[in-house]
Amino acid sequence: MTRKDLVERLSYKFSEIDKEDLKFIVDLFFETLKEELKKGNRIELRDFGVFIPKKTKGMIFKNPKNNRKYYIKSKSRVLFKTGRQFKKRLNTPFLASFDLGTQSFRLCLGKNFNGNVYFLNKWKENVRLGEGLGNQKIISPEAFQRGLTTLKRFKEELSKYEILKYRAIGTEVFRKAENAKEFIDFVKKDTGIEIDVISPEEEADLTLKGIFFGLKEFDLKIENFITVDVGGGSSEFIYFNNGKKEWIKSIDLGVVTLKEIFDLRHPLNSRLIRSLKDYIKEKISFLPKVSSQELIITGGTASLLGSLDLQLIYYNPEKLHGLKITKERLEKLIKKLANLDYDRLQKVKGMEKGREDIILGGLLIYSVIFDHFNKESAILNEYGILEGTLLSLIEDYNY
């Protein structure tokens, strides 16, 4: 990691501090280290390690090429001794989780150290494995290749970090596609990655596991809530009340399938918007209209909604996690995006490349969900099924 990379990572964590100020702080930190070491002072960073200045002795050596003798004067150098806790953390093996969905493939690397779970690296590719699935019922050859190429790249990351324990889950696209087994078998043969196709119920359980972890992150204790994950091929709902799951529902409604069913092309007029909302209302009409303390949204569509709402230039999970999104701002966003063509959509602040043509469908789904549960706002939780899958792996292997 370079100094520039460190500033970038800190800007994610402390988004309220100007990046130039963070750069100044980082530069000052390293300058202070340098000056103290020049003075011959030992520097200890608790649990990380110790920097020890050493002065080598001068020496005389003989050059074998010309048999002449030379004197090399003494030099100062710095030794670094790894702290016990840091060394133990470095030696703790990585674990990995894959979330392979209709729209995107995601990979997460993490560790369980001293009872604390750290999600350290994440990758995401908009593979759109379910493209055309609504009409053809199969994974198309083009999508097949995109998925395979992405998993090969992900396998390289596993090898780089020497990861032996992982879990790769397949969701709606693998439950629907007639040639899903062919894809799974090909991936195993070509990469060694084994894909576990899970049920909607287990998908919801893993999502809930991630959501609970996220609630701890922003120190919220909510006993009564509804969670929603609008995916590419389906949407999952959980009603949690007084310490238990009251119900789990999975609906055959996602951002990719919605686009394909209606052959959506931008811009969208108000008549089509009303028609889409009527269709979504009918699809979710069987969901119980329960009263809940909070509506919690998670997943790729929810994250993009948050990025658009905040007009983020780059993805910032620390800034998105815990964001309250109001129905009023959601409706304004829908109105704005509906009037744009694809070229202009790509330039909207907060837009994620590869989702321009499906995001409006996702926002409409959320709009109808707000109405169905009579909610004026929702909390965005950046932890979901990807993190829940890694947490389940930790539990299974007792790491």
Protein backbone atom coordinates (compact mmCIF):
# COMPACT_ATOMS: atom_id res chain seq x y z
CA MET A 1 0.00 0.00 0.00
CA THR A 2 1.37 3.41 -0.97
CA ARG A 3 0.90 6.63 0.97
CA LYS A 4 -1.72 7.67 -1.60
CA ASP A 5 -3.59 4.38 -1.08
CA LEU A 6 -3.57 4.95 2.68
CA VAL A 7 -5.11 8.41 2.26
CA GLU A 8 -7.79 6.92 -0.01
CA ARG A 9 -8.66 4.19 2.50
CA LEU A 10 -8.81 6.69 5.35
CA SER A 11 -11.13 8.90 3.31
CA TYR A 12 -13.61 5.99 3.22
CA LYS A 13 -13.48 5.59 6.98
CA PHE A 14 -13.47 9.32 7.83
CA SER A 15 -15.54 10.74 5.00
CA GLU A 16 -16.34 13.87 7.04
CA ILE A 17 -12.67 14.95 6.87
CA ASP A 18 -11.43 16.65 3.71
CA LYS A 19 -9.02 14.47 1.71
CA GLU A 20 -6.37 17.21 1.67
CA ASP A 21 -6.47 17.32 5.47
CA LEU A 22 -6.08 13.55 5.62
CA LYS A 23 -3.09 13.80 3.29
CA PHE A 24 -1.55 16.41 5.60
CA ILE A 25 -2.10 14.15 8.65
CA VAL A 26 -0.55 11.12 6.93
CA ASP A 27 2.45 13.15 5.70
CA LEU A 28 2.93 14.61 9.18
CA PHE A 29 2.77 11.14 10.75
CA PHE A 30 5.51 9.74 8.51
CA GLU A 31 7.61 12.88 8.84
CA THR A 32 7.42 12.57 12.63
CA LEU A 33 8.47 8.91 12.43
CA LYS A 34 11.43 9.83 10.23
CA GLU A 35 12.62 12.65 12.48
CA GLU A 36 12.44 10.55 15.65
CA LEU A 37 14.34 7.69 14.01
CA LYS A 38 17.01 10.14 12.83
CA LYS A 39 17.48 11.12 16.47
CA GLY A 40 18.06 7.47 17.32
CA ASN A 41 14.78 7.06 19.18
CA ARG A 42 12.99 3.72 19.33
CA ILE A 43 9.32 3.91 18.24
CA GLU A 44 6.68 1.48 19.43
CA LEU A 45 3.19 1.30 17.93
CA ARG A 46 1.27 -0.78 20.42
CA ASP A 47 0.16 -4.21 19.10
CA PHE A 48 1.61 -3.35 15.66
CA GLY A 49 5.38 -3.40 16.10
CA VAL A 50 8.58 -1.58 17.00
CA PHE A 51 10.91 0.50 14.79
CA ILE A 52 14.48 0.23 16.09
CA PRO A 53 17.27 2.47 14.70
CA LYS A 54 20.57 0.62 14.22
CA LYS A 55 24.00 1.89 13.25
CA THR A 56 26.21 -0.53 11.35
CA LYS A 57 29.99 -0.50 11.87
CA GLY A 58 32.37 0.73 9.21
CA MET A 59 34.23 -1.99 7.38
CA ILE A 60 37.09 -2.60 4.94
CA PHE A 61 36.44 -4.86 1.98
CA LYS A 62 38.44 -6.07 -0.99
CA ASN A 63 37.10 -5.73 -4.50
CA PRO A 64 37.77 -9.08 -6.23
CA LYS A 65 37.86 -7.45 -9.67
CA ASN A 66 40.84 -5.17 -9.01
CA ASN A 67 42.09 -6.52 -5.64
CA ARG A 68 41.92 -3.02 -4.16
CA LYS A 69 40.73 -2.41 -0.63
CA TYR A 70 38.03 0.11 0.21
CA TYR A 71 36.45 1.44 3.37
CA ILE A 72 32.67 1.59 3.74
CA LYS A 73 31.67 4.01 6.44
CA SER A 74 29.07 3.20 9.06
CA LYS A 75 25.40 3.55 8.08
CA SER A 76 22.14 3.99 9.91
CA ARG A 77 19.25 1.66 9.17
CA VAL A 78 15.90 0.83 10.72
CA LEU A 79 14.81 -2.61 11.92
CA PHE A 80 11.13 -3.46 12.33
CA LYS A 81 10.02 -6.06 14.84
CA THR A 82 6.44 -7.26 14.39
CA GLY A 83 4.20 -6.97 17.42
CA ARG A 84 2.77 -10.15 18.91
CA GLN A 85 -0.84 -9.30 18.13
CA PHE A 86 -0.05 -8.11 14.60
CA LYS A 87 2.00 -11.23 13.88
CA LYS A 88 -0.79 -13.45 15.13
CA ARG A 89 -3.30 -11.59 12.98
CA LEU A 90 -1.06 -11.91 9.90
CA ASN A 91 -0.78 -15.66 10.47
CA THR A 92 -4.54 -16.11 10.85
CA PRO A 93 -5.78 -17.73 7.62
CA PHE A 94 -8.09 -15.86 5.27
CA LEU A 95 -11.60 -17.11 4.54
CA ALA A 96 -13.69 -16.20 1.50
CA SER A 97 -17.34 -15.97 0.50
CA PHE A 98 -18.86 -15.71 -2.97
CA ASP A 99 -22.30 -14.27 -3.72
CA LEU A 100 -23.17 -15.32 -7.27
CA GLY A 101 -26.38 -13.61 -8.34
CA THR A 102 -28.43 -12.80 -11.41
CA GLN A 103 -26.83 -9.38 -11.87
CA SER A 104 -23.46 -9.47 -10.12
CA PHE A 105 -20.77 -11.80 -8.77
CA ARG A 106 -19.11 -10.70 -5.53
CA LEU A 107 -16.16 -11.98 -3.53
CA CYS A 108 -15.29 -11.12 0.07
CA LEU A 109 -12.14 -12.01 2.04
CA GLY A 110 -12.12 -11.89 5.80
CA LYS A 111 -10.59 -13.14 9.03
CA ASN A 112 -11.82 -14.07 12.47
CA PHE A 113 -9.27 -12.81 15.00
CA ASN A 114 -9.70 -12.90 18.77
CA GLY A 115 -13.45 -13.22 18.37
CA ASN A 116 -13.70 -10.23 16.02
CA VAL A 117 -14.58 -10.64 12.34
CA TYR A 118 -12.84 -8.40 9.81
CA PHE A 119 -14.07 -8.04 6.21
CA LEU A 120 -10.84 -7.02 4.53
CA ASN A 121 -11.17 -7.10 0.73
CA LYS A 122 -14.13 -7.15 -1.64
CA TRP A 123 -14.52 -7.46 -5.40
CA LYS A 124 -17.61 -7.07 -7.55
CA GLU A 125 -18.34 -7.68 -11.24
CA ASN A 126 -21.61 -6.93 -13.03
CA VAL A 127 -21.68 -10.28 -14.83
CA ARG A 128 -25.44 -10.28 -15.51
CA LEU A 129 -25.55 -14.07 -15.63
CA GLY A 130 -29.35 -13.96 -15.82
CA GLU A 131 -29.49 -11.78 -18.95
CA GLY A 132 -32.17 -13.24 -21.22
CA LEU A 133 -33.23 -15.76 -18.57
CA GLY A 134 -36.78 -14.42 -18.46
CA ASN A 135 -37.39 -15.33 -22.08
CA GLN A 136 -35.05 -18.25 -22.79
CA LYS A 137 -34.89 -19.96 -19.36
CA ILE A 138 -31.18 -20.60 -19.83
CA ILE A 139 -27.85 -18.92 -19.13
CA SER A 140 -26.88 -17.54 -22.54
CA PRO A 141 -23.48 -18.43 -24.08
CA GLU A 142 -22.33 -14.81 -23.65
CA ALA A 143 -23.38 -14.70 -19.98
CA PHE A 144 -21.88 -18.16 -19.46
CA GLN A 145 -18.51 -16.88 -20.64
CA ARG A 146 -18.72 -13.66 -18.58
CA GLY A 147 -19.44 -15.68 -15.47
CA LEU A 148 -16.60 -18.11 -16.10
CA THR A 149 -14.09 -15.32 -16.81
CA THR A 150 -15.02 -13.54 -13.57
CA LEU A 151 -14.71 -16.69 -11.48
CA LYS A 152 -11.27 -17.36 -12.96
CA ARG A 153 -10.21 -13.90 -11.78
CA PHE A 154 -11.72 -14.57 -8.36
CA LYS A 155 -9.83 -17.89 -8.18
CA GLU A 156 -6.59 -15.98 -8.77
CA GLU A 157 -7.36 -13.90 -5.67
CA LEU A 158 -7.93 -17.07 -3.64
CA SER A 159 -4.55 -18.38 -4.78
CA LYS A 160 -2.82 -15.06 -4.07
CA TYR A 161 -4.01 -15.10 -0.45
CA GLU A 162 -3.57 -18.89 -0.09
CA ILE A 163 -7.23 -19.37 0.80
CA LEU A 164 -8.35 -22.95 1.36
CA LYS A 165 -11.71 -22.42 3.07
CA TYR A 166 -14.47 -20.65 1.16
CA ARG A 167 -18.17 -20.84 0.41
CA ALA A 168 -19.67 -19.93 -2.96
CA ILE A 169 -23.45 -19.57 -3.02
CA GLY A 170 -25.68 -19.40 -6.08
CA THR A 171 -29.08 -17.73 -5.83
CA GLU A 172 -32.08 -17.13 -8.11
CA VAL A 173 -30.38 -17.48 -11.51
CA PHE A 174 -29.12 -20.94 -10.50
CA ARG A 175 -32.54 -21.96 -9.25
CA LYS A 176 -34.19 -20.92 -12.52
CA ALA A 177 -31.81 -21.61 -15.40
CA GLU A 178 -32.28 -24.98 -17.08
CA ASN A 179 -28.53 -25.19 -17.80
CA ALA A 180 -27.41 -24.09 -14.33
CA LYS A 181 -25.91 -27.52 -13.57
CA GLU A 182 -23.90 -27.33 -16.78
CA PHE A 183 -22.44 -23.99 -15.65
CA ILE A 184 -21.74 -25.30 -12.13
CA ASP A 185 -20.00 -28.44 -13.47
CA PHE A 186 -17.94 -26.42 -15.95
CA VAL A 187 -16.84 -23.95 -13.25
CA LYS A 188 -15.77 -26.79 -10.94
CA LYS A 189 -13.78 -28.48 -13.71
CA ASP A 190 -12.14 -25.27 -14.96
CA THR A 191 -11.49 -23.43 -11.66
CA GLY A 192 -12.07 -25.93 -8.86
CA ILE A 193 -14.71 -23.62 -7.33
CA GLU A 194 -17.75 -25.51 -6.04
CA ILE A 195 -21.03 -23.57 -6.16
CA ASP A 196 -23.69 -24.29 -3.55
CA VAL A 197 -27.18 -23.44 -4.84
CA ILE A 198 -29.22 -22.34 -1.86
CA SER A 199 -32.97 -22.05 -1.28
CA PRO A 200 -34.77 -18.71 -0.90
CA GLU A 201 -35.15 -19.49 2.82
CA GLU A 202 -31.41 -20.00 3.33
CA GLU A 203 -30.72 -16.91 1.22
CA ALA A 204 -32.89 -14.91 3.60
CA ASP A 205 -31.20 -16.46 6.66
CA LEU A 206 -27.72 -15.54 5.40
CA THR A 207 -28.91 -12.02 4.58
CA LEU A 208 -30.31 -11.65 8.08
CA LYS A 209 -27.01 -12.84 9.57
CA GLY A 210 -25.18 -10.07 7.69
CA ILE A 211 -27.80 -7.49 8.61
CA PHE A 212 -27.45 -8.24 12.35
CA PHE A 213 -23.69 -7.75 12.04
CA GLY A 214 -24.34 -4.42 10.34
CA LEU A 215 -26.77 -3.28 13.02
CA LYS A 216 -24.04 -3.81 15.62
CA GLU A 217 -21.71 -1.64 13.52
CA PHE A 218 -23.91 1.42 13.90
CA ASP A 219 -25.05 0.40 17.37
CA LEU A 220 -28.75 0.09 16.58
CA LYS A 221 -30.91 -2.26 18.60
CA ILE A 222 -34.08 -2.77 16.61
CA GLU A 223 -36.43 -5.52 17.77
CA ASN A 224 -39.04 -5.12 15.07
CA PHE A 225 -38.10 -4.63 11.41
CA ILE A 226 -38.61 -5.73 7.82
CA THR A 227 -35.57 -6.39 5.62
CA VAL A 228 -35.65 -6.14 1.84
CA ASP A 229 -33.02 -7.26 -0.67
CA VAL A 230 -34.00 -6.41 -4.25
CA GLY A 231 -31.78 -8.56 -6.45
CA GLY A 232 -31.40 -9.18 -10.15
CA GLY A 233 -33.82 -12.12 -10.39
CA SER A 234 -35.78 -12.04 -7.15
CA SER A 235 -36.48 -10.01 -4.03
CA GLU A 236 -36.26 -11.36 -0.49
CA PHE A 237 -38.27 -10.13 2.49
CA ILE A 238 -37.91 -10.98 6.19
CA TYR A 239 -40.11 -9.87 9.06
CA PHE A 240 -38.24 -10.01 12.36
CA ASN A 241 -40.19 -9.39 15.53
CA ASN A 242 -39.21 -9.65 19.21
CA GLY A 243 -36.16 -11.85 18.67
CA LYS A 244 -37.53 -14.21 16.03
CA LYS A 245 -38.32 -14.45 12.32
CA GLU A 246 -42.05 -14.19 11.86
CA TRP A 247 -41.88 -14.91 8.12
CA ILE A 248 -39.59 -15.09 5.10
CA LYS A 249 -40.87 -14.38 1.59
CA SER A 250 -39.15 -14.58 -1.80
CA ILE A 251 -40.78 -12.94 -4.81
CA ASP A 252 -40.05 -13.65 -8.45
CA LEU A 253 -39.27 -9.98 -9.06
CA GLY A 254 -35.84 -8.49 -9.76
CA VAL A 255 -34.23 -5.58 -11.59
CA VAL A 256 -32.92 -7.70 -14.49
CA THR A 257 -36.13 -9.68 -14.99
CA LEU A 258 -38.24 -6.51 -14.79
CA LYS A 259 -36.18 -4.88 -17.54
CA GLU A 260 -36.51 -7.93 -19.79
CA ILE A 261 -40.22 -8.51 -19.24
CA PHE A 262 -41.03 -4.92 -20.24
CA ASP A 263 -38.09 -4.45 -22.63
CA LEU A 264 -37.33 -1.17 -20.85
CA ARG A 265 -35.62 1.54 -22.89
CA HIS A 266 -34.89 5.02 -21.64
CA PRO A 267 -36.34 7.57 -21.28
CA LEU A 268 -39.54 6.20 -19.69
CA ASN A 269 -42.80 8.15 -19.86
CA SER A 270 -45.21 8.58 -16.94
CA ARG A 271 -47.71 6.09 -18.38
CA LEU A 272 -45.10 3.33 -18.45
CA ILE A 273 -43.99 4.24 -14.92
CA ARG A 274 -47.57 3.80 -13.69
CA SER A 275 -47.83 0.49 -15.54
CA LEU A 276 -44.61 -0.79 -13.95
CA LYS A 277 -45.80 0.21 -10.50
CA ASP A 278 -49.12 -1.60 -11.04
CA TYR A 279 -47.24 -4.75 -12.04
CA ILE A 280 -44.95 -4.53 -8.98
CA LYS A 281 -47.94 -3.91 -6.68
CA GLU A 282 -49.58 -7.09 -7.91
CA LYS A 283 -46.37 -9.11 -7.42
CA ILE A 284 -45.97 -8.03 -3.78
CA SER A 285 -49.66 -7.84 -2.90
CA PHE A 286 -49.61 -11.13 -0.94
CA LEU A 287 -47.00 -9.80 1.55
CA PRO A 288 -48.57 -9.22 4.99
CA LYS A 289 -48.94 -5.49 5.69
CA VAL A 290 -47.35 -5.64 9.12
CA SER A 291 -46.39 -2.66 11.22
CA SER A 292 -42.64 -2.45 11.82
CA GLN A 293 -40.26 -0.18 13.66
CA GLU A 294 -37.92 0.10 10.67
CA LEU A 295 -37.56 -0.90 7.04
CA ILE A 296 -33.98 -2.08 6.37
CA ILE A 297 -32.70 -2.40 2.80
CA THR A 298 -29.57 -4.20 1.69
CA GLY A 299 -27.85 -5.52 -1.45
CA GLY A 300 -26.51 -4.00 -4.67
CA THR A 301 -29.67 -2.12 -5.66
CA ALA A 302 -29.94 -0.57 -2.20
CA SER A 303 -26.26 0.49 -2.23
CA LEU A 304 -26.68 2.12 -5.62
CA LEU A 305 -29.79 3.92 -4.41
CA GLY A 306 -27.71 5.31 -1.54
CA SER A 307 -24.86 6.34 -3.85
CA LEU A 308 -27.29 8.17 -6.13
CA ASP A 309 -28.98 9.81 -3.17
CA LEU A 310 -25.65 11.13 -1.84
CA GLN A 311 -24.24 11.73 -5.37
CA LEU A 312 -21.04 9.89 -4.48
CA ILE A 313 -18.16 10.09 -6.93
CA TYR A 314 -16.84 6.72 -5.73
CA TYR A 315 -18.30 3.86 -3.71
CA ASN A 316 -17.96 4.63 0.00
CA PRO A 317 -19.42 1.88 2.23
CA GLU A 318 -18.66 3.77 5.44
CA LYS A 319 -20.73 6.71 4.26
CA LEU A 320 -23.58 4.53 2.95
CA HIS A 321 -23.89 2.25 5.97
CA GLY A 322 -26.71 3.49 8.18
CA LEU A 323 -27.92 6.08 5.67
CA LYS A 324 -31.60 6.96 6.02
CA ILE A 325 -33.29 7.20 2.63
CA THR A 326 -36.65 8.98 2.52
CA LYS A 327 -39.52 8.22 0.18
CA GLU A 328 -39.59 11.88 -0.86
CA ARG A 329 -35.98 11.74 -2.12
CA LEU A 330 -36.60 8.36 -3.74
CA GLU A 331 -39.54 9.71 -5.77
CA LYS A 332 -37.50 12.75 -6.89
CA LEU A 333 -34.74 10.42 -8.03
CA ILE A 334 -37.19 8.27 -9.99
CA LYS A 335 -38.59 11.33 -11.74
CA LYS A 336 -35.11 12.57 -12.60
CA LEU A 337 -33.77 9.24 -13.96
CA ALA A 338 -36.93 8.42 -15.94
CA ASN A 339 -36.36 11.45 -18.18
CA LEU A 340 -32.74 10.60 -19.07
CA ASP A 341 -31.36 8.54 -21.93
CA TYR A 342 -28.52 6.04 -21.37
CA ASP A 343 -25.74 8.49 -22.22
CA ARG A 344 -26.98 10.95 -19.62
CA LEU A 345 -27.69 8.20 -17.09
CA GLN A 346 -24.03 7.15 -17.20
CA LYS A 347 -22.99 10.65 -16.16
CA VAL A 348 -25.30 10.89 -13.14
CA LYS A 349 -23.26 11.24 -9.93
CA GLY A 350 -23.36 8.02 -7.96
CA MET A 351 -24.23 5.80 -10.94
CA GLU A 352 -22.51 2.41 -11.09
CA LYS A 353 -21.22 1.32 -14.48
CA GLY A 354 -23.16 -1.69 -15.76
CA ARG A 355 -26.39 -0.87 -13.90
CA GLU A 356 -27.61 2.16 -15.82
CA ASP A 357 -30.32 0.23 -17.66
CA ILE A 358 -31.76 -1.58 -14.62
CA ILE A 359 -31.55 0.85 -11.72
CA LEU A 360 -34.84 2.61 -12.38
CA GLY A 361 -36.70 -0.69 -12.13
CA GLY A 362 -35.06 -1.25 -8.74
CA LEU A 363 -36.06 2.20 -7.51
CA LEU A 364 -39.65 1.58 -8.61
CA ILE A 365 -39.69 -1.70 -6.69
CA TYR A 366 -38.53 0.13 -3.57
CA SER A 367 -41.11 2.88 -4.13
CA VAL A 368 -43.96 0.34 -4.15
CA ILE A 369 -42.46 -1.43 -1.10
CA PHE A 370 -42.45 1.88 0.81
CA ASP A 371 -46.15 2.29 0.00
CA HIS A 372 -47.03 -1.34 0.78
CA PHE A 373 -45.56 -1.13 4.29
CA ASN A 374 -46.62 2.49 4.77
CA LYS A 375 -43.05 3.72 5.33
CA GLU A 376 -41.61 7.18 4.73
CA SER A 377 -37.98 6.09 5.06
CA ALA A 378 -35.61 3.10 5.14
CA ILE A 379 -32.19 2.40 6.66
CA LEU A 380 -29.46 1.23 4.30
CA ASN A 381 -27.41 -1.67 5.68
CA GLU A 382 -24.19 -2.36 3.76
CA TYR A 383 -23.91 -5.82 5.30
CA GLY A 384 -26.01 -8.58 3.79
CA ILE A 385 -25.80 -12.00 2.19
CA LEU A 386 -22.12 -11.75 1.14
CA GLU A 387 -20.97 -11.00 4.69
CA GLY A 388 -23.55 -13.38 6.18
CA THR A 389 -22.12 -16.20 4.05
CA LEU A 390 -18.62 -15.56 5.40
CA LEU A 391 -19.98 -15.43 8.95
CA SER A 392 -21.68 -18.78 8.38
CA LEU A 393 -18.36 -20.21 7.16
CA ILE A 394 -16.66 -19.03 10.36
CA GLU A 395 -19.36 -20.75 12.42
CA ASP A 396 -19.16 -23.99 10.41
CA TYR A 397 -15.38 -24.30 10.78
CA ASN A 398 -15.28 -22.81 14.29
CA TYR A 399 -12.63 -20.23 13.26
